[in-house]
Amino acid sequence: VIIQSRSHDDSIWTVAILPDAGPVRYY
């Protein structure tokens, strides 16, 4: 689990899930 970025008020994060096999999923 990688936190890519966070809003200034820390309410919204952009998150990436990096699996061993397969594409990266962004949330």
mmCIF file of all heavy atoms, coordinates in Angstrom:
data_MODEL
# 
_entry.id   MODEL 
# 
loop_
_atom_site.group_PDB 
_atom_site.id 
_atom_site.type_symbol 
_atom_site.label_atom_id 
_atom_site.label_alt_id 
_atom_site.label_comp_id 
_atom_site.label_asym_id 
_atom_site.label_entity_id 
_atom_site.label_seq_id 
_atom_site.pdbx_PDB_ins_code 
_atom_site.Cartn_x 
_atom_site.Cartn_y 
_atom_site.Cartn_z 
_atom_site.occupancy 
_atom_site.B_iso_or_equiv 
_atom_site.pdbx_formal_charge 
_atom_site.auth_seq_id 
_atom_site.auth_comp_id 
_atom_site.auth_asym_id 
_atom_site.auth_atom_id 
_atom_site.pdbx_PDB_model_num 
ATOM 1   N N   . VAL A 1 1  ? 0.855   -1.183  0.000   1.00 0.00 ? 1  VAL A N   1 
ATOM 2   C CA  . VAL A 1 1  ? 0.000   0.000   0.000   1.00 0.00 ? 1  VAL A CA  1 
ATOM 3   C C   . VAL A 1 1  ? 0.895   1.239   0.000   1.00 0.00 ? 1  VAL A C   1 
ATOM 4   O O   . VAL A 1 1  ? 1.755   1.386   0.871   1.00 0.00 ? 1  VAL A O   1 
ATOM 5   C CB  . VAL A 1 1  ? -0.922  0.023   1.237   1.00 0.00 ? 1  VAL A CB  1 
ATOM 6   C CG1 . VAL A 1 1  ? -1.725  1.310   1.285   1.00 0.00 ? 1  VAL A CG1 1 
ATOM 7   C CG2 . VAL A 1 1  ? -1.832  -1.193  1.250   1.00 0.00 ? 1  VAL A CG2 1 
ATOM 8   N N   . ILE A 1 2  ? 0.700   2.092   -0.992  1.00 0.00 ? 2  ILE A N   1 
ATOM 9   C CA  . ILE A 1 2  ? 1.482   3.317   -1.114  1.00 0.00 ? 2  ILE A CA  1 
ATOM 10  C C   . ILE A 1 2  ? 0.533   4.508   -1.078  1.00 0.00 ? 2  ILE A C   1 
ATOM 11  O O   . ILE A 1 2  ? -0.426  4.563   -1.854  1.00 0.00 ? 2  ILE A O   1 
ATOM 12  C CB  . ILE A 1 2  ? 2.272   3.355   -2.450  1.00 0.00 ? 2  ILE A CB  1 
ATOM 13  C CG1 . ILE A 1 2  ? 3.168   2.138   -2.588  1.00 0.00 ? 2  ILE A CG1 1 
ATOM 14  C CG2 . ILE A 1 2  ? 3.048   4.652   -2.598  1.00 0.00 ? 2  ILE A CG2 1 
ATOM 15  C CD1 . ILE A 1 2  ? 4.328   2.102   -1.646  1.00 0.00 ? 2  ILE A CD1 1 
ATOM 16  N N   . ILE A 1 3  ? 0.805   5.461   -0.199  1.00 0.00 ? 3  ILE A N   1 
ATOM 17  C CA  . ILE A 1 3  ? 0.057   6.713   -0.195  1.00 0.00 ? 3  ILE A CA  1 
ATOM 18  C C   . ILE A 1 3  ? 0.751   7.638   -1.195  1.00 0.00 ? 3  ILE A C   1 
ATOM 19  O O   . ILE A 1 3  ? 1.876   8.076   -0.971  1.00 0.00 ? 3  ILE A O   1 
ATOM 20  C CB  . ILE A 1 3  ? 0.037   7.367   1.203   1.00 0.00 ? 3  ILE A CB  1 
ATOM 21  C CG1 . ILE A 1 3  ? -0.454  6.389   2.267   1.00 0.00 ? 3  ILE A CG1 1 
ATOM 22  C CG2 . ILE A 1 3  ? -0.800  8.644   1.182   1.00 0.00 ? 3  ILE A CG2 1 
ATOM 23  C CD1 . ILE A 1 3  ? -1.814  5.809   2.036   1.00 0.00 ? 3  ILE A CD1 1 
ATOM 24  N N   . GLN A 1 4  ? 0.088   7.898   -2.316  1.00 0.00 ? 4  GLN A N   1 
ATOM 25  C CA  . GLN A 1 4  ? 0.674   8.719   -3.380  1.00 0.00 ? 4  GLN A CA  1 
ATOM 26  C C   . GLN A 1 4  ? 0.619   10.205  -3.049  1.00 0.00 ? 4  GLN A C   1 
ATOM 27  O O   . GLN A 1 4  ? 1.557   10.938  -3.319  1.00 0.00 ? 4  GLN A O   1 
ATOM 28  C CB  . GLN A 1 4  ? -0.048  8.469   -4.704  1.00 0.00 ? 4  GLN A CB  1 
ATOM 29  C CG  . GLN A 1 4  ? 0.096   7.060   -5.224  1.00 0.00 ? 4  GLN A CG  1 
ATOM 30  C CD  . GLN A 1 4  ? 1.474   6.810   -5.779  1.00 0.00 ? 4  GLN A CD  1 
ATOM 31  O OE1 . GLN A 1 4  ? 1.997   7.606   -6.546  1.00 0.00 ? 4  GLN A OE1 1 
ATOM 32  N NE2 . GLN A 1 4  ? 2.073   5.718   -5.394  1.00 0.00 ? 4  GLN A NE2 1 
ATOM 33  N N   . SER A 1 5  ? -0.521  10.638  -2.494  1.00 0.00 ? 5  SER A N   1 
ATOM 34  C CA  . SER A 1 5  ? -0.670  12.047  -2.120  1.00 0.00 ? 5  SER A CA  1 
ATOM 35  C C   . SER A 1 5  ? -1.809  12.180  -1.133  1.00 0.00 ? 5  SER A C   1 
ATOM 36  O O   . SER A 1 5  ? -2.614  11.260  -0.964  1.00 0.00 ? 5  SER A O   1 
ATOM 37  C CB  . SER A 1 5  ? -0.922  12.913  -3.351  1.00 0.00 ? 5  SER A CB  1 
ATOM 38  O OG  . SER A 1 5  ? -2.152  12.569  -3.952  1.00 0.00 ? 5  SER A OG  1 
ATOM 39  N N   . ARG A 1 6  ? -1.864  13.333  -0.476  1.00 0.00 ? 6  ARG A N   1 
ATOM 40  C CA  . ARG A 1 6  ? -2.923  13.635  0.482   1.00 0.00 ? 6  ARG A CA  1 
ATOM 41  C C   . ARG A 1 6  ? -3.341  15.086  0.293   1.00 0.00 ? 6  ARG A C   1 
ATOM 42  O O   . ARG A 1 6  ? -2.511  15.940  -0.041  1.00 0.00 ? 6  ARG A O   1 
ATOM 43  C CB  . ARG A 1 6  ? -2.440  13.439  1.922   1.00 0.00 ? 6  ARG A CB  1 
ATOM 44  C CG  . ARG A 1 6  ? -2.022  12.022  2.207   1.00 0.00 ? 6  ARG A CG  1 
ATOM 45  C CD  . ARG A 1 6  ? -1.645  11.804  3.639   1.00 0.00 ? 6  ARG A CD  1 
ATOM 46  N NE  . ARG A 1 6  ? -0.592  12.720  4.063   1.00 0.00 ? 6  ARG A NE  1 
ATOM 47  C CZ  . ARG A 1 6  ? -0.079  12.738  5.278   1.00 0.00 ? 6  ARG A CZ  1 
ATOM 48  N NH1 . ARG A 1 6  ? -0.516  11.923  6.200   1.00 0.00 ? 6  ARG A NH1 1 
ATOM 49  N NH2 . ARG A 1 6  ? 0.865   13.577  5.590   1.00 0.00 ? 6  ARG A NH2 1 
ATOM 50  N N   . SER A 1 7  ? -4.629  15.354  0.524   1.00 0.00 ? 7  SER A N   1 
ATOM 51  C CA  . SER A 1 7  ? -5.109  16.730  0.442   1.00 0.00 ? 7  SER A CA  1 
ATOM 52  C C   . SER A 1 7  ? -4.519  17.532  1.607   1.00 0.00 ? 7  SER A C   1 
ATOM 53  O O   . SER A 1 7  ? -4.052  16.966  2.596   1.00 0.00 ? 7  SER A O   1 
ATOM 54  C CB  . SER A 1 7  ? -6.637  16.778  0.466   1.00 0.00 ? 7  SER A CB  1 
ATOM 55  O OG  . SER A 1 7  ? -7.133  16.230  1.669   1.00 0.00 ? 7  SER A OG  1 
ATOM 56  N N   . HIS A 1 8  ? -4.551  18.853  1.493   1.00 0.00 ? 8  HIS A N   1 
ATOM 57  C CA  . HIS A 1 8  ? -3.976  19.704  2.539   1.00 0.00 ? 8  HIS A CA  1 
ATOM 58  C C   . HIS A 1 8  ? -4.618  19.471  3.904   1.00 0.00 ? 8  HIS A C   1 
ATOM 59  O O   . HIS A 1 8  ? -3.937  19.540  4.927   1.00 0.00 ? 8  HIS A O   1 
ATOM 60  C CB  . HIS A 1 8  ? -4.084  21.183  2.158   1.00 0.00 ? 8  HIS A CB  1 
ATOM 61  C CG  . HIS A 1 8  ? -3.153  21.580  1.072   1.00 0.00 ? 8  HIS A CG  1 
ATOM 62  N ND1 . HIS A 1 8  ? -1.791  21.670  1.238   1.00 0.00 ? 8  HIS A ND1 1 
ATOM 63  C CD2 . HIS A 1 8  ? -3.393  21.896  -0.219  1.00 0.00 ? 8  HIS A CD2 1 
ATOM 64  C CE1 . HIS A 1 8  ? -1.217  22.028  0.107   1.00 0.00 ? 8  HIS A CE1 1 
ATOM 65  N NE2 . HIS A 1 8  ? -2.172  22.167  -0.807  1.00 0.00 ? 8  HIS A NE2 1 
ATOM 66  N N   . ASP A 1 9  ? -5.914  19.177  3.916   1.00 0.00 ? 9  ASP A N   1 
ATOM 67  C CA  . ASP A 1 9  ? -6.584  18.921  5.190   1.00 0.00 ? 9  ASP A CA  1 
ATOM 68  C C   . ASP A 1 9  ? -6.548  17.450  5.593   1.00 0.00 ? 9  ASP A C   1 
ATOM 69  O O   . ASP A 1 9  ? -7.143  17.063  6.593   1.00 0.00 ? 9  ASP A O   1 
ATOM 70  C CB  . ASP A 1 9  ? -8.022  19.433  5.158   1.00 0.00 ? 9  ASP A CB  1 
ATOM 71  C CG  . ASP A 1 9  ? -8.905  18.684  4.168   1.00 0.00 ? 9  ASP A CG  1 
ATOM 72  O OD1 . ASP A 1 9  ? -8.402  17.796  3.446   1.00 0.00 ? 9  ASP A OD1 1 
ATOM 73  O OD2 . ASP A 1 9  ? -10.104 18.999  4.110   1.00 0.00 ? 9  ASP A OD2 1 
ATOM 74  N N   . ASP A 1 10 ? -5.862  16.625  4.819   1.00 0.00 ? 10 ASP A N   1 
ATOM 75  C CA  . ASP A 1 10 ? -5.650  15.196  5.080   1.00 0.00 ? 10 ASP A CA  1 
ATOM 76  C C   . ASP A 1 10 ? -6.936  14.376  5.010   1.00 0.00 ? 10 ASP A C   1 
ATOM 77  O O   . ASP A 1 10 ? -7.001  13.269  5.514   1.00 0.00 ? 10 ASP A O   1 
ATOM 78  C CB  . ASP A 1 10 ? -4.977  14.988  6.442   1.00 0.00 ? 10 ASP A CB  1 
ATOM 79  C CG  . ASP A 1 10 ? -4.264  13.647  6.539   1.00 0.00 ? 10 ASP A CG  1 
ATOM 80  O OD1 . ASP A 1 10 ? -3.701  13.191  5.523   1.00 0.00 ? 10 ASP A OD1 1 
ATOM 81  O OD2 . ASP A 1 10 ? -4.275  13.049  7.623   1.00 0.00 ? 10 ASP A OD2 1 
ATOM 82  N N   . SER A 1 11 ? -7.974  14.908  4.358   1.00 0.00 ? 11 SER A N   1 
ATOM 83  C CA  . SER A 1 11 ? -9.241  14.181  4.296   1.00 0.00 ? 11 SER A CA  1 
ATOM 84  C C   . SER A 1 11 ? -9.313  13.210  3.118   1.00 0.00 ? 11 SER A C   1 
ATOM 85  O O   . SER A 1 11 ? -10.011 12.198  3.190   1.00 0.00 ? 11 SER A O   1 
ATOM 86  C CB  . SER A 1 11 ? -10.416 15.151  4.237   1.00 0.00 ? 11 SER A CB  1 
ATOM 87  O OG  . SER A 1 11 ? -10.367 15.910  3.042   1.00 0.00 ? 11 SER A OG  1 
ATOM 88  N N   . ILE A 1 12 ? -8.612  13.493  2.038   1.00 0.00 ? 12 ILE A N   1 
ATOM 89  C CA  . ILE A 1 12 ? -8.624  12.642  0.843   1.00 0.00 ? 12 ILE A CA  1 
ATOM 90  C C   . ILE A 1 12 ? -7.199  12.226  0.516   1.00 0.00 ? 12 ILE A C   1 
ATOM 91  O O   . ILE A 1 12 ? -6.306  13.059  0.420   1.00 0.00 ? 12 ILE A O   1 
ATOM 92  C CB  . ILE A 1 12 ? -9.242  13.375  -0.368  1.00 0.00 ? 12 ILE A CB  1 
ATOM 93  C CG1 . ILE A 1 12 ? -10.647 13.860  -0.056  1.00 0.00 ? 12 ILE A CG1 1 
ATOM 94  C CG2 . ILE A 1 12 ? -9.226  12.468  -1.605  1.00 0.00 ? 12 ILE A CG2 1 
ATOM 95  C CD1 . ILE A 1 12 ? -11.657 12.766  0.183   1.00 0.00 ? 12 ILE A CD1 1 
ATOM 96  N N   . TRP A 1 13 ? -7.032  10.929  0.341   1.00 0.00 ? 13 TRP A N   1 
ATOM 97  C CA  . TRP A 1 13 ? -5.731  10.377  -0.041  1.00 0.00 ? 13 TRP A CA  1 
ATOM 98  C C   . TRP A 1 13 ? -5.847  9.736   -1.413  1.00 0.00 ? 13 TRP A C   1 
ATOM 99  O O   . TRP A 1 13 ? -6.881  9.196   -1.772  1.00 0.00 ? 13 TRP A O   1 
ATOM 100 C CB  . TRP A 1 13 ? -5.282  9.296   0.927   1.00 0.00 ? 13 TRP A CB  1 
ATOM 101 C CG  . TRP A 1 13 ? -5.120  9.680   2.353   1.00 0.00 ? 13 TRP A CG  1 
ATOM 102 C CD1 . TRP A 1 13 ? -5.307  10.902  2.926   1.00 0.00 ? 13 TRP A CD1 1 
ATOM 103 C CD2 . TRP A 1 13 ? -4.747  8.802   3.418   1.00 0.00 ? 13 TRP A CD2 1 
ATOM 104 N NE1 . TRP A 1 13 ? -5.069  10.851  4.265   1.00 0.00 ? 13 TRP A NE1 1 
ATOM 105 C CE2 . TRP A 1 13 ? -4.726  9.565   4.605   1.00 0.00 ? 13 TRP A CE2 1 
ATOM 106 C CE3 . TRP A 1 13 ? -4.442  7.458   3.487   1.00 0.00 ? 13 TRP A CE3 1 
ATOM 107 C CZ2 . TRP A 1 13 ? -4.394  9.016   5.835   1.00 0.00 ? 13 TRP A CZ2 1 
ATOM 108 C CZ3 . TRP A 1 13 ? -4.115  6.919   4.707   1.00 0.00 ? 13 TRP A CZ3 1 
ATOM 109 C CH2 . TRP A 1 13 ? -4.085  7.690   5.873   1.00 0.00 ? 13 TRP A CH2 1 
ATOM 110 N N   . THR A 1 14 ? -4.762  9.757   -2.156  1.00 0.00 ? 14 THR A N   1 
ATOM 111 C CA  . THR A 1 14 ? -4.642  8.954   -3.371  1.00 0.00 ? 14 THR A CA  1 
ATOM 112 C C   . THR A 1 14 ? -3.741  7.780   -3.010  1.00 0.00 ? 14 THR A C   1 
ATOM 113 O O   . THR A 1 14 ? -2.633  7.975   -2.516  1.00 0.00 ? 14 THR A O   1 
ATOM 114 C CB  . THR A 1 14 ? -4.028  9.751   -4.530  1.00 0.00 ? 14 THR A CB  1 
ATOM 115 O OG1 . THR A 1 14 ? -4.810  10.923  -4.748  1.00 0.00 ? 14 THR A OG1 1 
ATOM 116 C CG2 . THR A 1 14 ? -3.991  8.928   -5.802  1.00 0.00 ? 14 THR A CG2 1 
ATOM 117 N N   . VAL A 1 15 ? -4.256  6.568   -3.229  1.00 0.00 ? 15 VAL A N   1 
ATOM 118 C CA  . VAL A 1 15 ? -3.589  5.355   -2.771  1.00 0.00 ? 15 VAL A CA  1 
ATOM 119 C C   . VAL A 1 15 ? -3.333  4.433   -3.954  1.00 0.00 ? 15 VAL A C   1 
ATOM 120 O O   . VAL A 1 15 ? -4.180  4.301   -4.842  1.00 0.00 ? 15 VAL A O   1 
ATOM 121 C CB  . VAL A 1 15 ? -4.475  4.624   -1.737  1.00 0.00 ? 15 VAL A CB  1 
ATOM 122 C CG1 . VAL A 1 15 ? -3.840  3.325   -1.286  1.00 0.00 ? 15 VAL A CG1 1 
ATOM 123 C CG2 . VAL A 1 15 ? -4.767  5.520   -0.556  1.00 0.00 ? 15 VAL A CG2 1 
ATOM 124 N N   . ALA A 1 16 ? -2.171  3.791   -3.958  1.00 0.00 ? 16 ALA A N   1 
ATOM 125 C CA  . ALA A 1 16 ? -1.847  2.774   -4.958  1.00 0.00 ? 16 ALA A CA  1 
ATOM 126 C C   . ALA A 1 16 ? -1.607  1.453   -4.237  1.00 0.00 ? 16 ALA A C   1 
ATOM 127 O O   . ALA A 1 16 ? -0.990  1.419   -3.176  1.00 0.00 ? 16 ALA A O   1 
ATOM 128 C CB  . ALA A 1 16 ? -0.608  3.169   -5.745  1.00 0.00 ? 16 ALA A CB  1 
ATOM 129 N N   . ILE A 1 17 ? -2.116  0.380   -4.827  1.00 0.00 ? 17 ILE A N   1 
ATOM 130 C CA  . ILE A 1 17 ? -1.858  -0.976  -4.330  1.00 0.00 ? 17 ILE A CA  1 
ATOM 131 C C   . ILE A 1 17 ? -0.968  -1.649  -5.363  1.00 0.00 ? 17 ILE A C   1 
ATOM 132 O O   . ILE A 1 17 ? -1.372  -1.838  -6.512  1.00 0.00 ? 17 ILE A O   1 
ATOM 133 C CB  . ILE A 1 17 ? -3.160  -1.782  -4.149  1.00 0.00 ? 17 ILE A CB  1 
ATOM 134 C CG1 . ILE A 1 17 ? -4.173  -1.022  -3.291  1.00 0.00 ? 17 ILE A CG1 1 
ATOM 135 C CG2 . ILE A 1 17 ? -2.851  -3.166  -3.594  1.00 0.00 ? 17 ILE A CG2 1 
ATOM 136 C CD1 . ILE A 1 17 ? -3.783  -0.852  -1.854  1.00 0.00 ? 17 ILE A CD1 1 
ATOM 137 N N   . LEU A 1 18 ? 0.265   -1.992  -4.959  1.00 0.00 ? 18 LEU A N   1 
ATOM 138 C CA  . LEU A 1 18 ? 1.242   -2.600  -5.856  1.00 0.00 ? 18 LEU A CA  1 
ATOM 139 C C   . LEU A 1 18 ? 1.329   -4.097  -5.597  1.00 0.00 ? 18 LEU A C   1 
ATOM 140 O O   . LEU A 1 18 ? 1.984   -4.535  -4.653  1.00 0.00 ? 18 LEU A O   1 
ATOM 141 C CB  . LEU A 1 18 ? 2.622   -1.981  -5.639  1.00 0.00 ? 18 LEU A CB  1 
ATOM 142 C CG  . LEU A 1 18 ? 2.862   -0.581  -6.177  1.00 0.00 ? 18 LEU A CG  1 
ATOM 143 C CD1 . LEU A 1 18 ? 2.108   0.463   -5.412  1.00 0.00 ? 18 LEU A CD1 1 
ATOM 144 C CD2 . LEU A 1 18 ? 4.319   -0.289  -6.206  1.00 0.00 ? 18 LEU A CD2 1 
ATOM 145 N N   . PRO A 1 19 ? 0.668   -4.904  -6.428  1.00 0.00 ? 19 PRO A N   1 
ATOM 146 C CA  . PRO A 1 19 ? 0.715   -6.355  -6.228  1.00 0.00 ? 19 PRO A CA  1 
ATOM 147 C C   . PRO A 1 19 ? 2.033   -6.940  -6.739  1.00 0.00 ? 19 PRO A C   1 
ATOM 148 O O   . PRO A 1 19 ? 2.753   -6.293  -7.519  1.00 0.00 ? 19 PRO A O   1 
ATOM 149 C CB  . PRO A 1 19 ? -0.458  -6.856  -7.051  1.00 0.00 ? 19 PRO A CB  1 
ATOM 150 C CG  . PRO A 1 19 ? -0.584  -5.866  -8.152  1.00 0.00 ? 19 PRO A CG  1 
ATOM 151 C CD  . PRO A 1 19 ? -0.182  -4.540  -7.551  1.00 0.00 ? 19 PRO A CD  1 
ATOM 152 N N   . ASP A 1 20 ? 2.326   -8.158  -6.310  1.00 0.00 ? 20 ASP A N   1 
ATOM 153 C CA  . ASP A 1 20 ? 3.516   -8.854  -6.820  1.00 0.00 ? 20 ASP A CA  1 
ATOM 154 C C   . ASP A 1 20 ? 3.372   -9.164  -8.305  1.00 0.00 ? 20 ASP A C   1 
ATOM 155 O O   . ASP A 1 20 ? 4.347   -9.153  -9.042  1.00 0.00 ? 20 ASP A O   1 
ATOM 156 C CB  . ASP A 1 20 ? 3.754   -10.150 -6.052  1.00 0.00 ? 20 ASP A CB  1 
ATOM 157 C CG  . ASP A 1 20 ? 4.204   -9.898  -4.622  1.00 0.00 ? 20 ASP A CG  1 
ATOM 158 O OD1 . ASP A 1 20 ? 4.714   -8.802  -4.343  1.00 0.00 ? 20 ASP A OD1 1 
ATOM 159 O OD2 . ASP A 1 20 ? 4.035   -10.806 -3.796  1.00 0.00 ? 20 ASP A OD2 1 
ATOM 160 N N   . ALA A 1 21 ? 2.158   -9.483  -8.720  1.00 0.00 ? 21 ALA A N   1 
ATOM 161 C CA  . ALA A 1 21 ? 1.895   -9.808  -10.122 1.00 0.00 ? 21 ALA A CA  1 
ATOM 162 C C   . ALA A 1 21 ? 0.586   -9.130  -10.522 1.00 0.00 ? 21 ALA A C   1 
ATOM 163 O O   . ALA A 1 21 ? -0.427  -9.300  -9.853  1.00 0.00 ? 21 ALA A O   1 
ATOM 164 C CB  . ALA A 1 21 ? 1.785   -11.312 -10.309 1.00 0.00 ? 21 ALA A CB  1 
ATOM 165 N N   . GLY A 1 22 ? 0.644   -8.356  -11.568 1.00 0.00 ? 22 GLY A N   1 
ATOM 166 C CA  . GLY A 1 22 ? -0.563  -7.679  -12.038 1.00 0.00 ? 22 GLY A CA  1 
ATOM 167 C C   . GLY A 1 22 ? -0.394  -6.171  -12.018 1.00 0.00 ? 22 GLY A C   1 
ATOM 168 O O   . GLY A 1 22 ? 0.604   -5.645  -11.528 1.00 0.00 ? 22 GLY A O   1 
ATOM 169 N N   . PRO A 1 23 ? -1.386  -5.481  -12.536 1.00 0.00 ? 23 PRO A N   1 
ATOM 170 C CA  . PRO A 1 23 ? -1.295  -4.029  -12.640 1.00 0.00 ? 23 PRO A CA  1 
ATOM 171 C C   . PRO A 1 23 ? -1.498  -3.339  -11.287 1.00 0.00 ? 23 PRO A C   1 
ATOM 172 O O   . PRO A 1 23 ? -2.099  -3.896  -10.371 1.00 0.00 ? 23 PRO A O   1 
ATOM 173 C CB  . PRO A 1 23 ? -2.435  -3.683  -13.598 1.00 0.00 ? 23 PRO A CB  1 
ATOM 174 C CG  . PRO A 1 23 ? -3.417  -4.786  -13.445 1.00 0.00 ? 23 PRO A CG  1 
ATOM 175 C CD  . PRO A 1 23 ? -2.600  -6.005  -13.156 1.00 0.00 ? 23 PRO A CD  1 
ATOM 176 N N   . VAL A 1 24 ? -0.989  -2.137  -11.190 1.00 0.00 ? 24 VAL A N   1 
ATOM 177 C CA  . VAL A 1 24 ? -1.168  -1.303  -10.004 1.00 0.00 ? 24 VAL A CA  1 
ATOM 178 C C   . VAL A 1 24 ? -2.600  -0.777  -10.001 1.00 0.00 ? 24 VAL A C   1 
ATOM 179 O O   . VAL A 1 24 ? -3.115  -0.339  -11.028 1.00 0.00 ? 24 VAL A O   1 
ATOM 180 C CB  . VAL A 1 24 ? -0.163  -0.122  -10.013 1.00 0.00 ? 24 VAL A CB  1 
ATOM 181 C CG1 . VAL A 1 24 ? -0.380  0.770   -8.806  1.00 0.00 ? 24 VAL A CG1 1 
ATOM 182 C CG2 . VAL A 1 24 ? 1.266   -0.632  -10.076 1.00 0.00 ? 24 VAL A CG2 1 
ATOM 183 N N   . ARG A 1 25 ? -3.253  -0.843  -8.839  1.00 0.00 ? 25 ARG A N   1 
ATOM 184 C CA  . ARG A 1 25 ? -4.628  -0.372  -8.705  1.00 0.00 ? 25 ARG A CA  1 
ATOM 185 C C   . ARG A 1 25 ? -4.614  0.939   -7.914  1.00 0.00 ? 25 ARG A C   1 
ATOM 186 O O   . ARG A 1 25 ? -3.970  1.031   -6.868  1.00 0.00 ? 25 ARG A O   1 
ATOM 187 C CB  . ARG A 1 25 ? -5.483  -1.408  -7.992  1.00 0.00 ? 25 ARG A CB  1 
ATOM 188 C CG  . ARG A 1 25 ? -5.545  -2.721  -8.774  1.00 0.00 ? 25 ARG A CG  1 
ATOM 189 C CD  . ARG A 1 25 ? -6.335  -3.787  -8.083  1.00 0.00 ? 25 ARG A CD  1 
ATOM 190 N NE  . ARG A 1 25 ? -7.735  -3.456  -7.880  1.00 0.00 ? 25 ARG A NE  1 
ATOM 191 C CZ  . ARG A 1 25 ? -8.690  -3.589  -8.808  1.00 0.00 ? 25 ARG A CZ  1 
ATOM 192 N NH1 . ARG A 1 25 ? -8.378  -4.047  -10.001 1.00 0.00 ? 25 ARG A NH1 1 
ATOM 193 N NH2 . ARG A 1 25 ? -9.934  -3.265  -8.541  1.00 0.00 ? 25 ARG A NH2 1 
ATOM 194 N N   . TYR A 1 26 ? -5.330  1.939   -8.419  1.00 0.00 ? 26 TYR A N   1 
ATOM 195 C CA  . TYR A 1 26 ? -5.372  3.257   -7.793  1.00 0.00 ? 26 TYR A CA  1 
ATOM 196 C C   . TYR A 1 26 ? -6.756  3.526   -7.207  1.00 0.00 ? 26 TYR A C   1 
ATOM 197 O O   . TYR A 1 26 ? -7.769  3.171   -7.804  1.00 0.00 ? 26 TYR A O   1 
ATOM 198 C CB  . TYR A 1 26 ? -5.034  4.340   -8.813  1.00 0.00 ? 26 TYR A CB  1 
ATOM 199 C CG  . TYR A 1 26 ? -3.588  4.313   -9.231  1.00 0.00 ? 26 TYR A CG  1 
ATOM 200 C CD1 . TYR A 1 26 ? -3.176  3.572   -10.332 1.00 0.00 ? 26 TYR A CD1 1 
ATOM 201 C CD2 . TYR A 1 26 ? -2.621  5.007   -8.509  1.00 0.00 ? 26 TYR A CD2 1 
ATOM 202 C CE1 . TYR A 1 26 ? -1.851  3.528   -10.709 1.00 0.00 ? 26 TYR A CE1 1 
ATOM 203 C CE2 . TYR A 1 26 ? -1.284  4.971   -8.881  1.00 0.00 ? 26 TYR A CE2 1 
ATOM 204 C CZ  . TYR A 1 26 ? -0.915  4.231   -9.979  1.00 0.00 ? 26 TYR A CZ  1 
ATOM 205 O OH  . TYR A 1 26 ? 0.410   4.189   -10.349 1.00 0.00 ? 26 TYR A OH  1 
ATOM 206 N N   . TYR A 1 27 ? -6.758  4.174   -6.049  1.00 0.00 ? 27 TYR A N   1 
ATOM 207 C CA  . TYR A 1 27 ? -7.983  4.494   -5.326  1.00 0.00 ? 27 TYR A CA  1 
ATOM 208 C C   . TYR A 1 27 ? -7.893  5.907   -4.766  1.00 0.00 ? 27 TYR A C   1 
ATOM 209 O O   . TYR A 1 27 ? -6.790  6.416   -4.526  1.00 0.00 ? 27 TYR A O   1 
ATOM 210 C CB  . TYR A 1 27 ? -8.165  3.563   -4.116  1.00 0.00 ? 27 TYR A CB  1 
ATOM 211 C CG  . TYR A 1 27 ? -8.337  2.115   -4.449  1.00 0.00 ? 27 TYR A CG  1 
ATOM 212 C CD1 . TYR A 1 27 ? -7.245  1.291   -4.684  1.00 0.00 ? 27 TYR A CD1 1 
ATOM 213 C CD2 . TYR A 1 27 ? -9.617  1.557   -4.516  1.00 0.00 ? 27 TYR A CD2 1 
ATOM 214 C CE1 . TYR A 1 27 ? -7.415  -0.049  -4.982  1.00 0.00 ? 27 TYR A CE1 1 
ATOM 215 C CE2 . TYR A 1 27 ? -9.793  0.208   -4.810  1.00 0.00 ? 27 TYR A CE2 1 
ATOM 216 C CZ  . TYR A 1 27 ? -8.690  -0.583  -5.042  1.00 0.00 ? 27 TYR A CZ  1 
ATOM 217 O OH  . TYR A 1 27 ? -8.861  -1.910  -5.341  1.00 0.00 ? 27 TYR A OH  1 
# 
